[in-house]
Amino acid sequence: MKSPIGPGNAVAFALGALCAALALGAFEDGDPGPASAAAPPRPTASATAQRGAAPAPAVSVRARATAAAPGPERPTSRLLLSTGTVIQRDGFEATATGFAPDERIRLTWSGESTGTFSTATAGPAGSVSLALRADMDPGSYTLRAIGLVSGRITEARLTVRPGPVETAPAPEPGRSAGAEWPELALSDASVPRDREYRALATGFEAGEAVRFTWSGAGTGTFGEVRADSAGRAALTLRLADAGAYLIEATGADSGRSARSPVLITD
């Protein structure tokens, strides 16, 4: 019986079978063969960067790792006054806080006038208290505490009210303003009896009558003399009896008087 496959076809059939066997052997060895598509490679960081993707936020992690721990909060500087309103020339107290320990603090004012109250040293807590006096003119002022090392400045407001009007003391009854105090001067403090001595009275009203009297071992009146334009009156005196006496000069109009002792000896 003659084969249905001719010589030419037999060669072709053999080649096809050989190719099929080779392909089957390659697949069994792990080769996916031409029909299997190879798995795409996993993208690397460099490939991702080349496609324009954003890199991982490594910088922010480093910033958190190296950030310094926050330090203690700096205290707030304050200037506290014992009162917001003070009478002119009265005292008050100012306390400055929140400065550096042992820092020199200058306390000033500005407003109707400007000036410096004082400069003091803060204590270990950075505070200082000062007793002040309102010697400024009446008005509104800003007080400042200035740290001379730290440069810190704090303020407070103060109102100064007018104080009582200072007036000259009222003259004594019978004594005009600006008049001298009456005085009586004797030429001698000790005089022999029946010896004359002089008495000069000052500080009386011009033209008024000044009466000279004595008291002690006895009493009596020497006489009256009109005061000159300067309020002075002079008289010559004499006593006959020995003893201690008090000589007095009295103004008839003003009522002023002055006294002076004298000793009359034998």
C-alpha atoms as a PDB file:
ATOM      1  CA  MET A   1       0.000   0.000   0.000  1.00  0.00           C
ATOM      2  CA  LYS A   2       1.401   3.259  -1.073  1.00  0.00           C
ATOM      3  CA  SER A   3       1.843   6.051   1.672  1.00  0.00           C
ATOM      4  CA  PRO A   4      -0.417   9.084   1.243  1.00  0.00           C
ATOM      5  CA  ILE A   5       2.469  11.422   2.114  1.00  0.00           C
ATOM      6  CA  GLY A   6       4.828  12.080  -0.675  1.00  0.00           C
ATOM      7  CA  PRO A   7       8.568  12.400  -0.269  1.00  0.00           C
ATOM      8  CA  GLY A   8       8.414  16.225  -0.239  1.00  0.00           C
ATOM      9  CA  ASN A   9       5.572  16.268   2.188  1.00  0.00           C
ATOM     10  CA  ALA A  10       7.337  13.821   4.458  1.00  0.00           C
ATOM     11  CA  VAL A  11      10.322  16.160   4.826  1.00  0.00           C
ATOM     12  CA  ALA A  12       8.092  19.087   5.641  1.00  0.00           C
ATOM     13  CA  PHE A  13       6.162  17.023   8.155  1.00  0.00           C
ATOM     14  CA  ALA A  14       9.386  15.929   9.852  1.00  0.00           C
ATOM     15  CA  LEU A  15      10.667  19.495  10.131  1.00  0.00           C
ATOM     16  CA  GLY A  16       7.361  20.623  11.618  1.00  0.00           C
ATOM     17  CA  ALA A  17       7.432  17.856  14.195  1.00  0.00           C
ATOM     18  CA  LEU A  18      10.995  18.769  15.138  1.00  0.00           C
ATOM     19  CA  CYS A  19      10.108  22.422  15.625  1.00  0.00           C
ATOM     20  CA  ALA A  20       7.123  21.465  17.764  1.00  0.00           C
ATOM     21  CA  ALA A  21       9.282  19.227  19.911  1.00  0.00           C
ATOM     22  CA  LEU A  22      11.893  21.968  20.397  1.00  0.00           C
ATOM     23  CA  ALA A  23       9.202  24.491  21.364  1.00  0.00           C
ATOM     24  CA  LEU A  24       7.654  22.095  23.855  1.00  0.00           C
ATOM     25  CA  GLY A  25      10.998  21.412  25.477  1.00  0.00           C
ATOM     26  CA  ALA A  26      11.796  25.111  25.900  1.00  0.00           C
ATOM     27  CA  PHE A  27       8.456  25.777  27.641  1.00  0.00           C
ATOM     28  CA  GLU A  28       9.018  22.956  30.075  1.00  0.00           C
ATOM     29  CA  ASP A  29      12.469  24.387  30.936  1.00  0.00           C
ATOM     30  CA  GLY A  30      10.800  27.727  32.112  1.00  0.00           C
ATOM     31  CA  ASP A  31      10.848  29.675  28.895  1.00  0.00           C
ATOM     32  CA  PRO A  32       7.390  31.185  28.394  1.00  0.00           C
ATOM     33  CA  GLY A  33       7.809  30.883  24.693  1.00  0.00           C
ATOM     34  CA  PRO A  34       7.031  33.482  22.122  1.00  0.00           C
ATOM     35  CA  ALA A  35       3.326  33.620  23.042  1.00  0.00           C
ATOM     36  CA  SER A  36       3.931  34.742  26.655  1.00  0.00           C
ATOM     37  CA  ALA A  37       4.564  38.426  27.211  1.00  0.00           C
ATOM     38  CA  ALA A  38       7.449  39.180  29.584  1.00  0.00           C
ATOM     39  CA  ALA A  39       6.421  40.917  32.869  1.00  0.00           C
ATOM     40  CA  PRO A  40       7.373  44.562  32.798  1.00  0.00           C
ATOM     41  CA  PRO A  41      10.326  45.479  35.095  1.00  0.00           C
ATOM     42  CA  ARG A  42       9.452  47.246  38.442  1.00  0.00           C
ATOM     43  CA  PRO A  43      10.071  50.948  38.089  1.00  0.00           C
ATOM     44  CA  THR A  44      13.147  52.199  39.983  1.00  0.00           C
ATOM     45  CA  ALA A  45      13.530  55.556  41.805  1.00  0.00           C
ATOM     46  CA  SER A  46      15.656  56.906  38.953  1.00  0.00           C
ATOM     47  CA  ALA A  47      13.079  55.826  36.403  1.00  0.00           C
ATOM     48  CA  THR A  48      10.278  57.435  38.418  1.00  0.00           C
ATOM     49  CA  ALA A  49      12.248  60.676  38.650  1.00  0.00           C
ATOM     50  CA  GLN A  50      12.807  60.578  34.885  1.00  0.00           C
ATOM     51  CA  ARG A  51       9.032  60.328  34.355  1.00  0.00           C
ATOM     52  CA  GLY A  52       8.539  63.521  36.484  1.00  0.00           C
ATOM     53  CA  ALA A  53       7.142  62.008  39.706  1.00  0.00           C
ATOM     54  CA  ALA A  54       7.823  63.942  42.970  1.00  0.00           C
ATOM     55  CA  PRO A  55      10.598  62.454  45.172  1.00  0.00           C
ATOM     56  CA  ALA A  56       9.873  61.250  48.728  1.00  0.00           C
ATOM     57  CA  PRO A  57       9.772  64.080  51.378  1.00  0.00           C
ATOM     58  CA  ALA A  58      13.092  63.219  53.016  1.00  0.00           C
ATOM     59  CA  VAL A  59      13.978  66.889  53.707  1.00  0.00           C
ATOM     60  CA  SER A  60      11.006  67.461  56.037  1.00  0.00           C
ATOM     61  CA  VAL A  61      11.973  64.402  58.078  1.00  0.00           C
ATOM     62  CA  ARG A  62      15.502  65.746  58.543  1.00  0.00           C
ATOM     63  CA  ALA A  63      14.115  69.190  59.605  1.00  0.00           C
ATOM     64  CA  ARG A  64      12.027  67.614  62.348  1.00  0.00           C
ATOM     65  CA  ALA A  65      14.939  65.571  63.528  1.00  0.00           C
ATOM     66  CA  THR A  66      17.342  68.557  63.836  1.00  0.00           C
ATOM     67  CA  ALA A  67      14.906  71.244  65.125  1.00  0.00           C
ATOM     68  CA  ALA A  68      16.041  72.764  68.475  1.00  0.00           C
ATOM     69  CA  ALA A  69      13.832  72.324  71.496  1.00  0.00           C
ATOM     70  CA  PRO A  70      11.951  75.553  72.414  1.00  0.00           C
ATOM     71  CA  GLY A  71      13.572  77.546  75.258  1.00  0.00           C
ATOM     72  CA  PRO A  72      11.782  79.094  78.245  1.00  0.00           C
ATOM     73  CA  GLU A  73       9.354  81.881  77.408  1.00  0.00           C
ATOM     74  CA  ARG A  74      10.722  85.379  78.128  1.00  0.00           C
ATOM     75  CA  PRO A  75       8.740  87.143  80.899  1.00  0.00           C
ATOM     76  CA  THR A  76       6.681  90.183  79.934  1.00  0.00           C
ATOM     77  CA  SER A  77       8.043  93.479  81.258  1.00  0.00           C
ATOM     78  CA  ARG A  78       5.552  95.508  83.306  1.00  0.00           C
ATOM     79  CA  LEU A  79       5.494  98.827  85.180  1.00  0.00           C
ATOM     80  CA  LEU A  80       2.993  98.949  88.037  1.00  0.00           C
ATOM     81  CA  LEU A  81       2.132 102.180  89.916  1.00  0.00           C
ATOM     82  CA  SER A  82       0.597 102.317  93.374  1.00  0.00           C
ATOM     83  CA  THR A  83      -1.873 104.898  92.001  1.00  0.00           C
ATOM     84  CA  GLY A  84      -2.864 106.285  88.615  1.00  0.00           C
ATOM     85  CA  THR A  85      -3.564 109.773  89.986  1.00  0.00           C
ATOM     86  CA  VAL A  86      -1.396 111.655  92.459  1.00  0.00           C
ATOM     87  CA  ILE A  87      -1.429 115.139  93.993  1.00  0.00           C
ATOM     88  CA  GLN A  88       1.499 117.318  93.007  1.00  0.00           C
ATOM     89  CA  ARG A  89       4.497 116.834  95.333  1.00  0.00           C
ATOM     90  CA  ASP A  90       2.910 113.742  96.921  1.00  0.00           C
ATOM     91  CA  GLY A  91       4.689 110.387  96.956  1.00  0.00           C
ATOM     92  CA  PHE A  92       3.818 107.126  95.157  1.00  0.00           C
ATOM     93  CA  GLU A  93       5.495 103.789  94.401  1.00  0.00           C
ATOM     94  CA  ALA A  94       6.539 102.238  91.077  1.00  0.00           C
ATOM     95  CA  THR A  95       7.438  98.548  90.557  1.00  0.00           C
ATOM     96  CA  ALA A  96       9.164  97.319  87.362  1.00  0.00           C
ATOM     97  CA  THR A  97       9.157  93.561  86.633  1.00  0.00           C
ATOM     98  CA  GLY A  98      10.229  91.234  83.803  1.00  0.00           C
ATOM     99  CA  PHE A  99      13.805  92.479  83.422  1.00  0.00           C
ATOM    100  CA  ALA A 100      17.106  90.624  83.603  1.00  0.00           C
ATOM    101  CA  PRO A 101      18.509  89.781  87.052  1.00  0.00           C
ATOM    102  CA  ASP A 102      20.821  92.525  88.417  1.00  0.00           C
ATOM    103  CA  GLU A 103      20.007  94.734  85.409  1.00  0.00           C
ATOM    104  CA  ARG A 104      20.194  98.528  85.778  1.00  0.00           C
ATOM    105  CA  ILE A 105      16.724 100.015  85.193  1.00  0.00           C
ATOM    106  CA  ARG A 106      16.113 103.712  84.484  1.00  0.00           C
ATOM    107  CA  LEU A 107      12.718 105.232  85.307  1.00  0.00           C
ATOM    108  CA  THR A 108      11.745 108.345  83.340  1.00  0.00           C
ATOM    109  CA  TRP A 109       8.698 110.513  82.693  1.00  0.00           C
ATOM    110  CA  SER A 110       7.438 112.531  79.714  1.00  0.00           C
ATOM    111  CA  GLY A 111       4.385 114.718  79.154  1.00  0.00           C
ATOM    112  CA  GLU A 112       4.053 118.308  80.358  1.00  0.00           C
ATOM    113  CA  SER A 113       7.790 118.012  81.039  1.00  0.00           C
ATOM    114  CA  THR A 114      10.439 115.298  80.778  1.00  0.00           C
ATOM    115  CA  GLY A 115      12.956 113.954  83.253  1.00  0.00           C
ATOM    116  CA  THR A 116      14.433 110.978  85.064  1.00  0.00           C
ATOM    117  CA  PHE A 117      13.273 109.818  88.481  1.00  0.00           C
ATOM    118  CA  SER A 118      16.095 107.417  89.282  1.00  0.00           C
ATOM    119  CA  THR A 119      18.190 104.456  88.134  1.00  0.00           C
ATOM    120  CA  ALA A 120      18.165 101.298  90.249  1.00  0.00           C
ATOM    121  CA  THR A 121      19.381  97.698  90.059  1.00  0.00           C
ATOM    122  CA  ALA A 122      16.908  94.843  89.644  1.00  0.00           C
ATOM    123  CA  GLY A 123      16.982  91.933  92.063  1.00  0.00           C
ATOM    124  CA  PRO A 124      17.524  88.244  91.208  1.00  0.00           C
ATOM    125  CA  ALA A 125      13.898  88.021  89.988  1.00  0.00           C
ATOM    126  CA  GLY A 126      14.424  90.925  87.556  1.00  0.00           C
ATOM    127  CA  SER A 127      12.207  93.385  89.460  1.00  0.00           C
ATOM    128  CA  VAL A 128      12.722  96.604  91.429  1.00  0.00           C
ATOM    129  CA  SER A 129      10.470  98.937  93.460  1.00  0.00           C
ATOM    130  CA  LEU A 130      11.082 102.653  93.879  1.00  0.00           C
ATOM    131  CA  ALA A 131       9.491 105.280  96.119  1.00  0.00           C
ATOM    132  CA  LEU A 132       8.947 108.385  93.956  1.00  0.00           C
ATOM    133  CA  ARG A 133       7.598 111.923  94.386  1.00  0.00           C
ATOM    134  CA  ALA A 134       5.458 113.811  91.854  1.00  0.00           C
ATOM    135  CA  ASP A 135       7.477 117.017  91.603  1.00  0.00           C
ATOM    136  CA  MET A 136       6.228 117.614  88.024  1.00  0.00           C
ATOM    137  CA  ASP A 137       3.712 120.229  86.920  1.00  0.00           C
ATOM    138  CA  PRO A 138       0.062 119.135  86.890  1.00  0.00           C
ATOM    139  CA  GLY A 139      -0.896 117.141  83.775  1.00  0.00           C
ATOM    140  CA  SER A 140      -0.787 113.698  82.131  1.00  0.00           C
ATOM    141  CA  TYR A 141       2.481 111.787  81.984  1.00  0.00           C
ATOM    142  CA  THR A 142       3.915 108.553  80.602  1.00  0.00           C
ATOM    143  CA  LEU A 143       6.328 106.780  82.928  1.00  0.00           C
ATOM    144  CA  ARG A 144       8.834 104.374  81.362  1.00  0.00           C
ATOM    145  CA  ALA A 145      11.064 101.673  82.868  1.00  0.00           C
ATOM    146  CA  ILE A 146      14.043 101.044  80.559  1.00  0.00           C
ATOM    147  CA  GLY A 147      16.401  98.073  80.928  1.00  0.00           C
ATOM    148  CA  LEU A 148      19.912  99.341  80.198  1.00  0.00           C
ATOM    149  CA  VAL A 149      21.181  95.839  79.282  1.00  0.00           C
ATOM    150  CA  SER A 150      18.193  93.989  77.793  1.00  0.00           C
ATOM    151  CA  GLY A 151      16.732  97.076  76.109  1.00  0.00           C
ATOM    152  CA  ARG A 152      13.257  96.165  77.355  1.00  0.00           C
ATOM    153  CA  ILE A 153      10.849  99.096  77.816  1.00  0.00           C
ATOM    154  CA  THR A 154       7.509  99.153  79.597  1.00  0.00           C
ATOM    155  CA  GLU A 155       5.165 102.081  80.276  1.00  0.00           C
ATOM    156  CA  ALA A 156       2.446 103.261  82.656  1.00  0.00           C
ATOM    157  CA  ARG A 157       0.238 106.362  82.733  1.00  0.00           C
ATOM    158  CA  LEU A 158       0.150 108.858  85.607  1.00  0.00           C
ATOM    159  CA  THR A 159      -2.030 111.938  86.153  1.00  0.00           C
ATOM    160  CA  VAL A 160      -0.704 114.694  88.428  1.00  0.00           C
ATOM    161  CA  ARG A 161      -3.329 116.916  90.050  1.00  0.00           C
ATOM    162  CA  PRO A 162      -2.604 120.442  91.365  1.00  0.00           C
ATOM    163  CA  GLY A 163      -1.649 120.550  95.007  1.00  0.00           C
ATOM    164  CA  PRO A 164      -2.783 123.094  97.594  1.00  0.00           C
ATOM    165  CA  VAL A 165      -1.649 126.657  96.964  1.00  0.00           C
ATOM    166  CA  GLU A 166       1.192 127.555  99.280  1.00  0.00           C
ATOM    167  CA  THR A 167       0.672 130.911 100.964  1.00  0.00           C
ATOM    168  CA  ALA A 168       2.678 132.877 103.474  1.00  0.00           C
ATOM    169  CA  PRO A 169       1.513 132.428 107.051  1.00  0.00           C
ATOM    170  CA  ALA A 170      -0.967 135.033 108.225  1.00  0.00           C
ATOM    171  CA  PRO A 171       0.555 137.705 110.442  1.00  0.00           C
ATOM    172  CA  GLU A 172      -0.226 137.682 114.120  1.00  0.00           C
ATOM    173  CA  PRO A 173      -3.031 139.939 115.290  1.00  0.00           C
ATOM    174  CA  GLY A 174      -1.861 143.525 115.233  1.00  0.00           C
ATOM    175  CA  ARG A 175       1.148 142.708 113.043  1.00  0.00           C
ATOM    176  CA  SER A 176       1.154 143.618 109.364  1.00  0.00           C
ATOM    177  CA  ALA A 177       2.563 141.242 106.784  1.00  0.00           C
ATOM    178  CA  GLY A 178       6.284 141.675 106.282  1.00  0.00           C
ATOM    179  CA  ALA A 179       6.759 143.560 109.554  1.00  0.00           C
ATOM    180  CA  GLU A 180       9.743 142.693 111.731  1.00  0.00           C
ATOM    181  CA  TRP A 181       9.330 140.850 115.008  1.00  0.00           C
ATOM    182  CA  PRO A 182       9.415 143.391 117.850  1.00  0.00           C
ATOM    183  CA  GLU A 183      12.631 143.384 119.862  1.00  0.00           C
ATOM    184  CA  LEU A 184      13.949 145.318 122.856  1.00  0.00           C
ATOM    185  CA  ALA A 185      17.681 145.829 123.291  1.00  0.00           C
ATOM    186  CA  LEU A 186      19.323 147.366 126.369  1.00  0.00           C
ATOM    187  CA  SER A 187      22.716 149.008 126.350  1.00  0.00           C
ATOM    188  CA  ASP A 188      23.686 147.068 129.529  1.00  0.00           C
ATOM    189  CA  ALA A 189      22.439 143.879 131.127  1.00  0.00           C
ATOM    190  CA  SER A 190      23.721 144.931 134.577  1.00  0.00           C
ATOM    191  CA  VAL A 191      23.602 148.545 135.717  1.00  0.00           C
ATOM    192  CA  PRO A 192      24.368 150.233 139.108  1.00  0.00           C
ATOM    193  CA  ARG A 193      21.338 151.858 140.670  1.00  0.00           C
ATOM    194  CA  ASP A 194      20.603 155.426 139.610  1.00  0.00           C
ATOM    195  CA  ARG A 195      22.768 154.902 136.523  1.00  0.00           C
ATOM    196  CA  GLU A 196      21.247 155.699 133.119  1.00  0.00           C
ATOM    197  CA  TYR A 197      21.168 153.159 130.306  1.00  0.00           C
ATOM    198  CA  ARG A 198      19.520 153.080 126.863  1.00  0.00           C
ATOM    199  CA  ALA A 199      16.642 150.966 125.551  1.00  0.00           C
ATOM    200  CA  LEU A 200      15.927 150.541 121.825  1.00  0.00           C
ATOM    201  CA  ALA A 201      12.644 148.960 120.654  1.00  0.00           C
ATOM    202  CA  THR A 202      12.268 147.843 116.989  1.00  0.00           C
ATOM    203  CA  GLY A 203       9.614 146.128 114.862  1.00  0.00           C
ATOM    204  CA  PHE A 204       6.705 148.442 115.666  1.00  0.00           C
ATOM    205  CA  GLU A 205       4.326 150.371 113.427  1.00  0.00           C
ATOM    206  CA  ALA A 206       5.674 153.611 112.047  1.00  0.00           C
ATOM    207  CA  GLY A 207       4.487 156.586 114.130  1.00  0.00           C
ATOM    208  CA  GLU A 208       2.759 154.572 116.856  1.00  0.00           C
ATOM    209  CA  ALA A 209       3.359 155.355 120.541  1.00  0.00           C
ATOM    210  CA  VAL A 210       5.603 152.822 122.294  1.00  0.00           C
ATOM    211  CA  ARG A 211       5.304 152.646 126.103  1.00  0.00           C
ATOM    212  CA  PHE A 212       8.296 151.524 128.221  1.00  0.00           C
ATOM    213  CA  THR A 213       7.527 149.910 131.606  1.00  0.00           C
ATOM    214  CA  TRP A 214       9.281 147.838 134.258  1.00  0.00           C
ATOM    215  CA  SER A 215       8.327 145.001 136.605  1.00  0.00           C
ATOM    216  CA  GLY A 216      10.189 142.945 139.199  1.00  0.00           C
ATOM    217  CA  ALA A 217      11.291 144.529 142.502  1.00  0.00           C
ATOM    218  CA  GLY A 218       8.554 147.021 141.696  1.00  0.00           C
ATOM    219  CA  THR A 219       6.445 148.143 138.736  1.00  0.00           C
ATOM    220  CA  GLY A 220       6.152 151.413 136.888  1.00  0.00           C
ATOM    221  CA  THR A 221       6.253 153.282 133.569  1.00  0.00           C
ATOM    222  CA  PHE A 222       9.299 155.017 132.153  1.00  0.00           C
ATOM    223  CA  GLY A 223       7.374 156.890 129.452  1.00  0.00           C
ATOM    224  CA  GLU A 224       6.168 156.796 125.810  1.00  0.00           C
ATOM    225  CA  VAL A 225       8.043 157.474 122.575  1.00  0.00           C
ATOM    226  CA  ARG A 226       6.741 157.719 118.973  1.00  0.00           C
ATOM    227  CA  ALA A 227       8.247 155.127 116.661  1.00  0.00           C
ATOM    228  CA  ASP A 228      10.046 156.521 113.602  1.00  0.00           C
ATOM    229  CA  SER A 229       9.275 155.580 109.990  1.00  0.00           C
ATOM    230  CA  ALA A 230      11.240 152.350 110.461  1.00  0.00           C
ATOM    231  CA  GLY A 231       9.205 151.357 113.541  1.00  0.00           C
ATOM    232  CA  ARG A 232      11.999 152.082 116.038  1.00  0.00           C
ATOM    233  CA  ALA A 233      11.665 153.823 119.421  1.00  0.00           C
ATOM    234  CA  ALA A 234      14.485 154.641 121.869  1.00  0.00           C
ATOM    235  CA  LEU A 235      14.418 155.882 125.494  1.00  0.00           C
ATOM    236  CA  THR A 236      16.874 156.537 128.324  1.00  0.00           C
ATOM    237  CA  LEU A 237      16.032 154.545 131.480  1.00  0.00           C
ATOM    238  CA  ARG A 238      17.064 154.705 135.149  1.00  0.00           C
ATOM    239  CA  LEU A 239      16.053 152.737 138.243  1.00  0.00           C
ATOM    240  CA  ALA A 240      16.805 153.760 141.843  1.00  0.00           C
ATOM    241  CA  ASP A 241      16.348 150.432 143.661  1.00  0.00           C
ATOM    242  CA  ALA A 242      18.610 147.439 143.277  1.00  0.00           C
ATOM    243  CA  GLY A 243      17.098 144.172 142.037  1.00  0.00           C
ATOM    244  CA  ALA A 244      16.179 142.081 138.991  1.00  0.00           C
ATOM    245  CA  TYR A 245      13.796 143.750 136.570  1.00  0.00           C
ATOM    246  CA  LEU A 246      12.025 143.015 133.299  1.00  0.00           C
ATOM    247  CA  ILE A 247      11.815 145.958 130.908  1.00  0.00           C
ATOM    248  CA  GLU A 248       8.918 145.886 128.393  1.00  0.00           C
ATOM    249  CA  ALA A 249       8.103 147.976 125.313  1.00  0.00           C
ATOM    250  CA  THR A 250       4.463 147.894 124.068  1.00  0.00           C
ATOM    251  CA  GLY A 251       2.978 149.441 120.924  1.00  0.00           C
ATOM    252  CA  ALA A 252      -0.177 151.432 121.644  1.00  0.00           C
ATOM    253  CA  ASP A 253      -1.711 150.785 118.173  1.00  0.00           C
ATOM    254  CA  SER A 254      -0.321 147.397 117.116  1.00  0.00           C
ATOM    255  CA  GLY A 255      -0.350 145.817 120.560  1.00  0.00           C
ATOM    256  CA  ARG A 256       3.082 144.339 119.896  1.00  0.00           C
ATOM    257  CA  SER A 257       5.459 144.003 122.802  1.00  0.00           C
ATOM    258  CA  ALA A 258       9.054 143.057 123.500  1.00  0.00           C
ATOM    259  CA  ARG A 259      10.883 142.372 126.771  1.00  0.00           C
ATOM    260  CA  SER A 260      14.424 142.325 128.048  1.00  0.00           C
ATOM    261  CA  PRO A 261      15.836 141.644 131.582  1.00  0.00           C
ATOM    262  CA  VAL A 262      18.177 143.923 133.496  1.00  0.00           C
ATOM    263  CA  LEU A 263      19.953 143.649 136.859  1.00  0.00           C
ATOM    264  CA  ILE A 264      20.255 146.801 138.977  1.00  0.00           C
ATOM    265  CA  THR A 265      23.129 146.578 141.437  1.00  0.00           C
ATOM    266  CA  ASP A 266      24.097 148.638 144.488  1.00  0.00           C
END
